[in-house]
C-alpha atoms as a PDB file:
ATOM      1  CA  MET A   1       3.927 -16.645   9.209  1.00  0.00           C
ATOM      2  CA  THR A   2       7.008 -17.212   7.176  1.00  0.00           C
ATOM      3  CA  SER A   3       8.980 -15.071   4.871  1.00  0.00           C
ATOM      4  CA  ARG A   4       7.094 -16.955   2.015  1.00  0.00           C
ATOM      5  CA  GLY A   5       4.019 -15.414   3.718  1.00  0.00           C
ATOM      6  CA  PHE A   6       5.593 -11.878   3.453  1.00  0.00           C
ATOM      7  CA  ASP A   7       6.500 -12.505  -0.245  1.00  0.00           C
ATOM      8  CA  ALA A   8       2.991 -13.469  -1.060  1.00  0.00           C
ATOM      9  CA  VAL A   9       1.772 -10.194   0.597  1.00  0.00           C
ATOM     10  CA  ALA A  10       4.312  -8.058  -1.036  1.00  0.00           C
ATOM     11  CA  ASP A  11       3.494  -9.471  -4.227  1.00  0.00           C
ATOM     12  CA  GLU A  12      -0.157  -8.945  -3.796  1.00  0.00           C
ATOM     13  CA  LEU A  13       0.493  -5.198  -2.528  1.00  0.00           C
ATOM     14  CA  TYR A  14       2.700  -4.324  -5.436  1.00  0.00           C
ATOM     15  CA  ALA A  15       0.392  -5.729  -8.057  1.00  0.00           C
ATOM     16  CA  LEU A  16      -2.614  -3.393  -6.839  1.00  0.00           C
ATOM     17  CA  PRO A  17      -3.487   0.041  -8.516  1.00  0.00           C
ATOM     18  CA  ARG A  18      -1.225   2.349  -6.696  1.00  0.00           C
ATOM     19  CA  ASP A  19      -4.005   4.352  -4.791  1.00  0.00           C
ATOM     20  CA  GLU A  20      -4.994   1.051  -3.248  1.00  0.00           C
ATOM     21  CA  PHE A  21      -1.577   0.313  -1.840  1.00  0.00           C
ATOM     22  CA  THR A  22      -1.681   2.084   1.522  1.00  0.00           C
ATOM     23  CA  PRO A  23      -5.184   0.764   2.836  1.00  0.00           C
ATOM     24  CA  ALA A  24      -4.501  -2.617   1.637  1.00  0.00           C
ATOM     25  CA  ARG A  25      -1.071  -2.711   3.456  1.00  0.00           C
ATOM     26  CA  THR A  26      -2.736  -1.476   6.617  1.00  0.00           C
ATOM     27  CA  GLU A  27      -5.424  -4.191   6.226  1.00  0.00           C
ATOM     28  CA  ARG A  28      -2.730  -6.954   5.755  1.00  0.00           C
ATOM     29  CA  ALA A  29      -0.618  -5.591   8.651  1.00  0.00           C
ATOM     30  CA  LYS A  30      -3.664  -5.732  10.916  1.00  0.00           C
ATOM     31  CA  GLU A  31      -4.488  -9.182   9.736  1.00  0.00           C
ATOM     32  CA  ALA A  32      -0.900 -10.332  10.728  1.00  0.00           C
ATOM     33  CA  LYS A  33      -0.521  -8.459  13.844  1.00  0.00           C
ATOM     34  CA  GLY A  34      -2.151 -10.929  16.229  1.00  0.00           C
ATOM     35  CA  ARG A  35      -0.571 -13.893  14.549  1.00  0.00           C
ATOM     36  CA  ASP A  36       2.931 -12.531  13.910  1.00  0.00           C
ATOM     37  CA  PRO A  37       3.920  -9.265  15.005  1.00  0.00           C
ATOM     38  CA  GLU A  38       7.228  -9.378  13.189  1.00  0.00           C
ATOM     39  CA  LEU A  39       5.574  -9.989   9.856  1.00  0.00           C
ATOM     40  CA  ALA A  40       3.156  -7.182  10.501  1.00  0.00           C
ATOM     41  CA  LYS A  41       6.156  -4.822  11.092  1.00  0.00           C
ATOM     42  CA  ARG A  42       7.760  -5.858   7.905  1.00  0.00           C
ATOM     43  CA  ILE A  43       4.470  -5.343   5.961  1.00  0.00           C
ATOM     44  CA  THR A  44       4.183  -1.863   7.519  1.00  0.00           C
ATOM     45  CA  GLN A  45       7.699  -1.039   6.309  1.00  0.00           C
ATOM     46  CA  LEU A  46       6.732  -1.772   2.672  1.00  0.00           C
ATOM     47  CA  ARG A  47       6.809   1.630   0.757  1.00  0.00           C
ATOM     48  CA  LYS A  48       4.255   2.836  -1.446  1.00  0.00           C
ATOM     49  CA  PRO A  49       5.722   2.949  -4.800  1.00  0.00           C
ATOM     50  CA  THR A  50       6.122   6.118  -6.868  1.00  0.00           C
ATOM     51  CA  VAL A  51       4.357   6.610 -10.067  1.00  0.00           C
ATOM     52  CA  ALA A  52       7.470   5.534 -12.132  1.00  0.00           C
ATOM     53  CA  ALA A  53       8.153   2.346  -9.810  1.00  0.00           C
ATOM     54  CA  TRP A  54       4.603   1.432 -10.065  1.00  0.00           C
ATOM     55  CA  LEU A  55       4.561   1.703 -13.878  1.00  0.00           C
ATOM     56  CA  VAL A  56       7.667  -0.441 -14.051  1.00  0.00           C
ATOM     57  CA  ASN A  57       6.312  -3.016 -11.714  1.00  0.00           C
ATOM     58  CA  GLN A  58       3.262  -3.412 -13.809  1.00  0.00           C
ATOM     59  CA  VAL A  59       5.282  -3.770 -16.947  1.00  0.00           C
ATOM     60  CA  SER A  60       7.463  -6.300 -15.183  1.00  0.00           C
ATOM     61  CA  ARG A  61       4.403  -8.599 -14.282  1.00  0.00           C
ATOM     62  CA  ARG A  62       2.579  -8.152 -17.713  1.00  0.00           C
ATOM     63  CA  HIS A  63       5.777  -8.557 -19.940  1.00  0.00           C
ATOM     64  CA  ALA A  64       8.133 -10.815 -17.991  1.00  0.00           C
ATOM     65  CA  ASP A  65       9.824 -12.036 -21.294  1.00  0.00           C
ATOM     66  CA  GLU A  66      10.787  -8.591 -22.463  1.00  0.00           C
ATOM     67  CA  ILE A  67      12.037  -7.709 -18.924  1.00  0.00           C
ATOM     68  CA  GLY A  68      14.113 -10.867 -19.021  1.00  0.00           C
ATOM     69  CA  GLN A  69      15.745  -9.462 -22.272  1.00  0.00           C
ATOM     70  CA  LEU A  70      17.186  -6.510 -20.279  1.00  0.00           C
ATOM     71  CA  ALA A  71      19.388  -8.779 -18.160  1.00  0.00           C
ATOM     72  CA  ASP A  72      20.459 -10.841 -21.265  1.00  0.00           C
ATOM     73  CA  LEU A  73      21.364  -7.921 -23.238  1.00  0.00           C
ATOM     74  CA  GLY A  74      23.369  -6.476 -20.170  1.00  0.00           C
ATOM     75  CA  ALA A  75      25.333  -9.784 -20.057  1.00  0.00           C
ATOM     76  CA  ARG A  76      26.022  -9.894 -23.725  1.00  0.00           C
ATOM     77  CA  LEU A  77      27.159  -6.156 -23.781  1.00  0.00           C
ATOM     78  CA  ARG A  78      29.622  -6.887 -20.878  1.00  0.00           C
ATOM     79  CA  THR A  79      30.864  -9.845 -22.766  1.00  0.00           C
ATOM     80  CA  ALA A  80      31.245  -7.893 -25.893  1.00  0.00           C
ATOM     81  CA  HIS A  81      33.064  -5.112 -24.058  1.00  0.00           C
ATOM     82  CA  GLN A  82      35.614  -7.439 -22.568  1.00  0.00           C
ATOM     83  CA  LYS A  83      36.372  -8.668 -26.165  1.00  0.00           C
ATOM     84  CA  LEU A  84      36.453  -5.106 -27.482  1.00  0.00           C
ATOM     85  CA  ALA A  85      33.967  -6.427 -30.053  1.00  0.00           C
ATOM     86  CA  GLY A  86      32.910  -2.966 -31.505  1.00  0.00           C
ATOM     87  CA  ASP A  87      30.471  -4.112 -34.106  1.00  0.00           C
ATOM     88  CA  GLU A  88      28.731  -6.416 -31.872  1.00  0.00           C
ATOM     89  CA  LEU A  89      28.511  -3.676 -29.115  1.00  0.00           C
ATOM     90  CA  ARG A  90      26.899  -1.323 -31.539  1.00  0.00           C
ATOM     91  CA  THR A  91      24.286  -3.947 -32.648  1.00  0.00           C
ATOM     92  CA  LEU A  92      23.540  -4.676 -29.003  1.00  0.00           C
ATOM     93  CA  SER A  93      23.520  -1.210 -28.025  1.00  0.00           C
ATOM     94  CA  ARG A  94      20.716  -0.508 -30.751  1.00  0.00           C
ATOM     95  CA  GLN A  95      18.868  -3.654 -29.390  1.00  0.00           C
ATOM     96  CA  ARG A  96      18.954  -2.311 -25.966  1.00  0.00           C
ATOM     97  CA  ASN A  97      17.787   1.161 -26.939  1.00  0.00           C
ATOM     98  CA  GLU A  98      14.945  -0.299 -28.989  1.00  0.00           C
ATOM     99  CA  LEU A  99      13.925  -2.465 -26.059  1.00  0.00           C
ATOM    100  CA  ILE A 100      13.902   0.321 -23.575  1.00  0.00           C
ATOM    101  CA  ARG A 101      11.710   2.370 -25.820  1.00  0.00           C
ATOM    102  CA  ARG A 102       9.387  -0.346 -26.223  1.00  0.00           C
ATOM    103  CA  LEU A 103       9.078  -1.100 -22.634  1.00  0.00           C
ATOM    104  CA  SER A 104       8.801   2.716 -21.995  1.00  0.00           C
ATOM    105  CA  GLY A 105       5.979   2.564 -24.364  1.00  0.00           C
ATOM    106  CA  ARG A 106       4.378  -0.352 -22.465  1.00  0.00           C
ATOM    107  CA  ALA A 107       4.668   1.767 -19.328  1.00  0.00           C
ATOM    108  CA  GLY A 108       2.807   4.714 -21.012  1.00  0.00           C
ATOM    109  CA  GLY A 109      -0.026   2.200 -22.103  1.00  0.00           C
ATOM    110  CA  VAL A 110      -0.403   1.117 -18.440  1.00  0.00           C
ATOM    111  CA  ALA A 111      -0.429   4.763 -17.381  1.00  0.00           C
ATOM    112  CA  GLY A 112      -3.118   5.454 -19.913  1.00  0.00           C
ATOM    113  CA  GLU A 113      -5.333   2.419 -18.711  1.00  0.00           C
ATOM    114  CA  ALA A 114      -5.129   3.714 -15.156  1.00  0.00           C
ATOM    115  CA  GLY A 115      -5.595   7.224 -15.623  1.00  0.00           C
ATOM    116  CA  VAL A 116      -2.152   8.038 -14.462  1.00  0.00           C
ATOM    117  CA  PRO A 117      -0.213  11.089 -16.079  1.00  0.00           C
ATOM    118  CA  TYR A 118       2.865   9.835 -17.761  1.00  0.00           C
ATOM    119  CA  SER A 119       4.974  12.837 -17.297  1.00  0.00           C
ATOM    120  CA  ASP A 120       8.335  13.597 -19.003  1.00  0.00           C
ATOM    121  CA  VAL A 121       9.869  13.224 -15.401  1.00  0.00           C
ATOM    122  CA  ALA A 122       8.090   9.801 -14.895  1.00  0.00           C
ATOM    123  CA  MET A 123       9.081   8.662 -18.433  1.00  0.00           C
ATOM    124  CA  ARG A 124      12.716   9.453 -17.682  1.00  0.00           C
ATOM    125  CA  GLN A 125      12.738   7.661 -14.370  1.00  0.00           C
ATOM    126  CA  VAL A 126      11.163   4.589 -15.981  1.00  0.00           C
ATOM    127  CA  GLU A 127      13.752   4.554 -18.877  1.00  0.00           C
ATOM    128  CA  ASP A 128      16.495   4.952 -16.159  1.00  0.00           C
ATOM    129  CA  THR A 129      15.126   1.995 -14.365  1.00  0.00           C
ATOM    130  CA  PHE A 130      15.099  -0.159 -17.336  1.00  0.00           C
ATOM    131  CA  GLU A 131      18.643   1.035 -18.207  1.00  0.00           C
ATOM    132  CA  ALA A 132      19.672   0.150 -14.740  1.00  0.00           C
ATOM    133  CA  ALA A 133      18.473  -3.440 -15.299  1.00  0.00           C
ATOM    134  CA  VAL A 134      20.748  -3.664 -18.350  1.00  0.00           C
ATOM    135  CA  SER A 135      23.885  -2.210 -16.473  1.00  0.00           C
ATOM    136  CA  ASP A 136      23.472  -4.191 -13.162  1.00  0.00           C
ATOM    137  CA  PRO A 137      22.429  -7.650 -12.656  1.00  0.00           C
ATOM    138  CA  ASP A 138      21.047  -6.930  -9.384  1.00  0.00           C
ATOM    139  CA  ALA A 139      18.858  -4.108 -10.492  1.00  0.00           C
ATOM    140  CA  ALA A 140      17.765  -6.628 -13.258  1.00  0.00           C
ATOM    141  CA  THR A 141      16.588  -8.986 -10.470  1.00  0.00           C
ATOM    142  CA  GLU A 142      14.904  -6.197  -8.672  1.00  0.00           C
ATOM    143  CA  VAL A 143      12.961  -4.981 -11.662  1.00  0.00           C
ATOM    144  CA  ALA A 144      11.894  -8.464 -12.483  1.00  0.00           C
ATOM    145  CA  ALA A 145      10.479  -9.098  -9.188  1.00  0.00           C
ATOM    146  CA  GLY A 146       7.969  -6.217  -9.664  1.00  0.00           C
ATOM    147  CA  ARG A 147       8.245  -4.871  -6.114  1.00  0.00           C
ATOM    148  CA  LEU A 148      10.134  -1.574  -6.691  1.00  0.00           C
ATOM    149  CA  SER A 149       9.142   1.380  -4.378  1.00  0.00           C
ATOM    150  CA  ALA A 150      11.218   4.036  -6.151  1.00  0.00           C
ATOM    151  CA  ALA A 151      12.821   4.215  -9.621  1.00  0.00           C
ATOM    152  CA  LEU A 152      16.481   2.954 -10.148  1.00  0.00           C
ATOM    153  CA  GLU A 153      19.222   4.645 -11.702  1.00  0.00           C
ATOM    154  CA  PRO A 154      22.159   3.120 -13.934  1.00  0.00           C
ATOM    155  CA  SER A 155      24.852   1.896 -11.715  1.00  0.00           C
ATOM    156  CA  SER A 156      27.428   3.922 -13.583  1.00  0.00           C
ATOM    157  CA  SER A 157      27.748   6.509 -16.597  1.00  0.00           C
ATOM    158  CA  GLU A 158      28.503   3.463 -18.817  1.00  0.00           C
ATOM    159  CA  ASP A 159      31.971   5.136 -19.896  1.00  0.00           C
ATOM    160  CA  TRP A 160      33.130   1.420 -20.676  1.00  0.00           C
ATOM    161  CA  LEU A 161      30.358   1.173 -23.171  1.00  0.00           C
ATOM    162  CA  ALA A 162      30.945   4.335 -24.750  1.00  0.00           C
ATOM    163  CA  ALA A 163      34.728   3.582 -24.901  1.00  0.00           C
ATOM    164  CA  ALA A 164      34.083   0.132 -26.404  1.00  0.00           C
ATOM    165  CA  LEU A 165      31.668   1.342 -29.060  1.00  0.00           C
ATOM    166  CA  ALA A 166      34.249   3.841 -30.163  1.00  0.00           C
ATOM    167  CA  ALA A 167      36.896   1.231 -30.650  1.00  0.00           C
ATOM    168  CA  SER A 168      37.778   0.109 -34.056  1.00  0.00           C
ATOM    169  CA  PRO A 169      37.406  -3.716 -34.761  1.00  0.00           C
ATOM    170  CA  LYS A 170      40.797  -3.419 -36.422  1.00  0.00           C
ATOM    171  CA  ARG A 171      42.472  -2.394 -33.074  1.00  0.00           C
ATOM    172  CA  LYS A 172      41.104  -5.209 -31.249  1.00  0.00           C
ATOM    173  CA  ALA A 173      44.683  -6.615 -30.619  1.00  0.00           C
ATOM    174  CA  ALA A 174      46.107  -3.468 -29.678  1.00  0.00           C
ATOM    175  CA  PRO A 175      43.300  -1.249 -28.066  1.00  0.00           C
ATOM    176  CA  LYS A 176      43.759   2.373 -27.509  1.00  0.00           C
ATOM    177  CA  PRO A 177      45.117   3.553 -24.185  1.00  0.00           C
ATOM    178  CA  ALA A 178      42.351   4.197 -21.781  1.00  0.00           C
ATOM    179  CA  PRO A 179      40.842   7.683 -21.965  1.00  0.00           C
ATOM    180  CA  LYS A 180      42.182  10.272 -19.595  1.00  0.00           C
ATOM    181  CA  PRO A 181      39.778  11.104 -16.701  1.00  0.00           C
ATOM    182  CA  ALA A 182      37.221  13.698 -17.657  1.00  0.00           C
ATOM    183  CA  LYS A 183      38.003  17.083 -16.236  1.00  0.00           C
ATOM    184  CA  ARG A 184      36.064  17.660 -13.068  1.00  0.00           C
ATOM    185  CA  ASP A 185      33.109  20.063 -13.378  1.00  0.00           C
ATOM    186  CA  PRO A 186      32.582  21.311  -9.788  1.00  0.00           C
ATOM    187  CA  GLU A 187      29.108  22.955 -10.644  1.00  0.00           C
ATOM    188  CA  ALA A 188      27.808  19.743 -12.362  1.00  0.00           C
ATOM    189  CA  GLU A 189      28.933  17.830  -9.267  1.00  0.00           C
ATOM    190  CA  ARG A 190      27.264  20.392  -6.984  1.00  0.00           C
ATOM    191  CA  ARG A 191      24.122  20.032  -9.049  1.00  0.00           C
ATOM    192  CA  GLN A 192      24.223  16.281  -9.014  1.00  0.00           C
ATOM    193  CA  ALA A 193      24.701  16.176  -5.150  1.00  0.00           C
ATOM    194  CA  ALA A 194      21.829  18.464  -4.710  1.00  0.00           C
ATOM    195  CA  LEU A 195      19.630  16.403  -7.061  1.00  0.00           C
ATOM    196  CA  GLU A 196      20.708  13.387  -4.960  1.00  0.00           C
ATOM    197  CA  GLU A 197      19.842  15.108  -1.830  1.00  0.00           C
ATOM    198  CA  ALA A 198      16.499  16.262  -3.143  1.00  0.00           C
ATOM    199  CA  ARG A 199      15.575  12.769  -4.205  1.00  0.00           C
ATOM    200  CA  THR A 200      16.485  11.415  -0.800  1.00  0.00           C
ATOM    201  CA  LYS A 201      14.333  14.063   0.978  1.00  0.00           C
ATOM    202  CA  ALA A 202      11.494  13.215  -1.649  1.00  0.00           C
ATOM    203  CA  ASP A 203      11.706   9.477  -0.703  1.00  0.00           C
ATOM    204  CA  GLU A 204      11.767  10.337   2.984  1.00  0.00           C
ATOM    205  CA  ALA A 205       8.656  12.704   2.547  1.00  0.00           C
ATOM    206  CA  GLU A 206       6.844  10.009   0.661  1.00  0.00           C
ATOM    207  CA  ALA A 207       7.765   7.481   3.432  1.00  0.00           C
ATOM    208  CA  ALA A 208       6.384   9.824   6.005  1.00  0.00           C
ATOM    209  CA  ARG A 209       3.192  10.676   3.966  1.00  0.00           C
ATOM    210  CA  ASP A 210       2.583   6.794   3.892  1.00  0.00           C
ATOM    211  CA  GLU A 211       3.070   6.442   7.597  1.00  0.00           C
ATOM    212  CA  ALA A 212       0.851   9.444   8.270  1.00  0.00           C
ATOM    213  CA  GLN A 213      -1.865   8.003   6.008  1.00  0.00           C
ATOM    214  CA  GLN A 214      -1.545   4.631   7.663  1.00  0.00           C
ATOM    215  CA  ALA A 215      -1.945   6.245  11.065  1.00  0.00           C
ATOM    216  CA  LEU A 216      -5.021   8.312   9.867  1.00  0.00           C
ATOM    217  CA  ASP A 217      -6.481   5.035   8.375  1.00  0.00           C
ATOM    218  CA  GLU A 218      -6.003   3.147  11.775  1.00  0.00           C
ATOM    219  CA  VAL A 219      -7.424   6.210  13.705  1.00  0.00           C
ATOM    220  CA  THR A 220     -10.376   6.469  11.145  1.00  0.00           C
ATOM    221  CA  ALA A 221     -11.142   2.718  11.614  1.00  0.00           C
ATOM    222  CA  ARG A 222     -11.147   3.206  15.472  1.00  0.00           C
ATOM    223  CA  ALA A 223     -13.299   6.144  15.177  1.00  0.00           C
ATOM    224  CA  GLU A 224     -15.889   4.376  12.986  1.00  0.00           C
ATOM    225  CA  LYS A 225     -15.756   1.471  15.314  1.00  0.00           C
ATOM    226  CA  ALA A 226     -16.391   3.770  18.368  1.00  0.00           C
ATOM    227  CA  ALA A 227     -19.273   5.587  16.444  1.00  0.00           C
ATOM    228  CA  ALA A 228     -20.860   2.306  15.627  1.00  0.00           C
ATOM    229  CA  ARG A 229     -20.693   1.119  19.243  1.00  0.00           C
ATOM    230  CA  VAL A 230     -22.144   4.514  20.490  1.00  0.00           C
ATOM    231  CA  ALA A 231     -25.050   4.163  17.970  1.00  0.00           C
ATOM    232  CA  GLU A 232     -25.723   0.615  19.152  1.00  0.00           C
ATOM    233  CA  LEU A 233     -25.756   1.807  22.921  1.00  0.00           C
ATOM    234  CA  ARG A 234     -28.056   4.745  21.896  1.00  0.00           C
ATOM    235  CA  SER A 235     -30.234   2.365  20.295  1.00  0.00           C
ATOM    236  CA  GLN A 236     -30.405   0.104  23.368  1.00  0.00           C
ATOM    237  CA  LEU A 237     -30.956   3.211  25.488  1.00  0.00           C
ATOM    238  CA  ASP A 238     -33.961   4.132  23.457  1.00  0.00           C
ATOM    239  CA  ASP A 239     -35.265   0.628  23.634  1.00  0.00           C
ATOM    240  CA  ALA A 240     -34.815   0.602  27.422  1.00  0.00           C
ATOM    241  CA  THR A 241     -36.383   4.125  27.760  1.00  0.00           C
ATOM    242  CA  ARG A 242     -39.444   2.990  25.876  1.00  0.00           C
ATOM    243  CA  GLU A 243     -39.578  -0.380  27.909  1.00  0.00           C
ATOM    244  CA  GLU A 244     -39.247   1.835  31.154  1.00  0.00           C
ATOM    245  CA  ARG A 245     -42.079   3.973  29.985  1.00  0.00           C
ATOM    246  CA  ALA A 246     -44.401   1.120  29.246  1.00  0.00           C
ATOM    247  CA  VAL A 247     -43.610  -0.526  32.505  1.00  0.00           C
ATOM    248  CA  ARG A 248     -44.322   2.665  34.446  1.00  0.00           C
ATOM    249  CA  LYS A 249     -47.833   2.827  32.782  1.00  0.00           C
ATOM    250  CA  GLU A 250     -48.372  -0.782  33.748  1.00  0.00           C
ATOM    251  CA  LEU A 251     -47.236  -0.014  37.242  1.00  0.00           C
ATOM    252  CA  THR A 252     -49.487   2.970  37.409  1.00  0.00           C
ATOM    253  CA  ALA A 253     -52.538   0.799  36.335  1.00  0.00           C
ATOM    254  CA  ALA A 254     -51.505  -1.911  38.645  1.00  0.00           C
ATOM    255  CA  ARG A 255     -51.409   0.559  41.661  1.00  0.00           C
ATOM    256  CA  LYS A 256     -55.015   2.033  40.507  1.00  0.00           C
ATOM    257  CA  ALA A 257     -56.361  -1.641  40.332  1.00  0.00           C
ATOM    258  CA  ALA A 258     -54.688  -2.631  43.648  1.00  0.00           C
ATOM    259  CA  THR A 259     -56.294   0.658  45.450  1.00  0.00           C
ATOM    260  CA  VAL A 260     -59.776  -0.219  43.944  1.00  0.00           C
ATOM    261  CA  ALA A 261     -59.419  -3.887  45.056  1.00  0.00           C
ATOM    262  CA  ASP A 262     -58.264  -2.715  48.504  1.00  0.00           C
ATOM    263  CA  LYS A 263     -61.451  -0.413  48.837  1.00  0.00           C
ATOM    264  CA  THR A 264     -63.776  -3.251  47.532  1.00  0.00           C
ATOM    265  CA  ALA A 265     -62.176  -5.657  49.964  1.00  0.00           C
ATOM    266  CA  ASP A 266     -62.657  -3.170  52.847  1.00  0.00           C
ATOM    267  CA  GLU A 267     -66.239  -2.693  51.834  1.00  0.00           C
ATOM    268  CA  ALA A 268     -66.941  -6.351  51.811  1.00  0.00           C
ATOM    269  CA  ARG A 269     -65.434  -6.786  55.309  1.00  0.00           C
ATOM    270  CA  ARG A 270     -67.546  -3.924  56.626  1.00  0.00           C
ATOM    271  CA  GLN A 271     -70.598  -5.538  55.096  1.00  0.00           C
ATOM    272  CA  VAL A 272     -69.598  -8.779  56.523  1.00  0.00           C
ATOM    273  CA  ALA A 273     -69.141  -7.278  59.863  1.00  0.00           C
ATOM    274  CA  GLU A 274     -72.414  -5.429  59.903  1.00  0.00           C
ATOM    275  CA  MET A 275     -74.329  -8.659  58.910  1.00  0.00           C
ATOM    276  CA  GLU A 276     -72.588 -10.683  61.726  1.00  0.00           C
ATOM    277  CA  SER A 277     -73.483  -7.841  64.106  1.00  0.00           C
ATOM    278  CA  PHE A 278     -77.067  -7.722  62.929  1.00  0.00           C
ATOM    279  CA  GLY A 279     -77.475 -11.738  63.362  1.00  0.00           C
ATOM    280  CA  LYS A 280     -76.147 -11.409  66.885  1.00  0.00           C
ATOM    281  CA  ARG A 281     -78.846  -8.811  67.883  1.00  0.00           C
ATOM    282  CA  SER A 282     -81.533 -10.869  66.275  1.00  0.00           C
ATOM    283  CA  LYS A 283     -80.838 -13.883  68.325  1.00  0.00           C
ATOM    284  CA  ARG A 284     -81.159 -11.975  71.495  1.00  0.00           C
END
């Protein structure tokens, strides 16, 4: 099956309710395994989306026009920054914040429909993902595709935007010198590094859990198949046992009938012999 076939399967899986992802992925991988082992492997490697990623995927599929506005705003913000157009940057920044809040509300609506808790952590991750779509064209493409397995982070702290927003329109021809690099905060860097490590471990644990679930699903399916086979064989054995008993009864009856017939035949022969012997004596 071609990559187009893979795209179709991926689209199907990431559009499903989150709790249906793993069993559906297992089923699709099994279907593809006999025809295209490489495709089956690629399907197996698709990761179950986190809650935040799943919510973003659903919003992207339901509100594609608004998702497209994220990329458009990002491009306009970057252009305005290059021109040091402070007023335009402020206007666009307000539009971006309003759009992200609106999309976050859309995600909350999806969560409510699905009965999925929309925690503060999930909300922050959803908003970070939409923010990433504004700051990075590649992230915007990923979000629009609706196949995220994990939330995204903005590609930078957007210092360029903050600096541009602080610029005065009157200073466009002579912009202020670039701000001095922020003073390092070793403790903040340590916390950020620890956070990134924790997120990586969480992603790895999620992937391991999905793999374990897939293995469990496969073994469960095999166990159910074996149990069905055992039940079928037991049913056949019961039928064969009943048939054997019936045949044995028929055999016993046939043996008795044969014994009676044998005795009857012997008696008939004896009588014939006696009659023949009597006839011979009479002739004498």
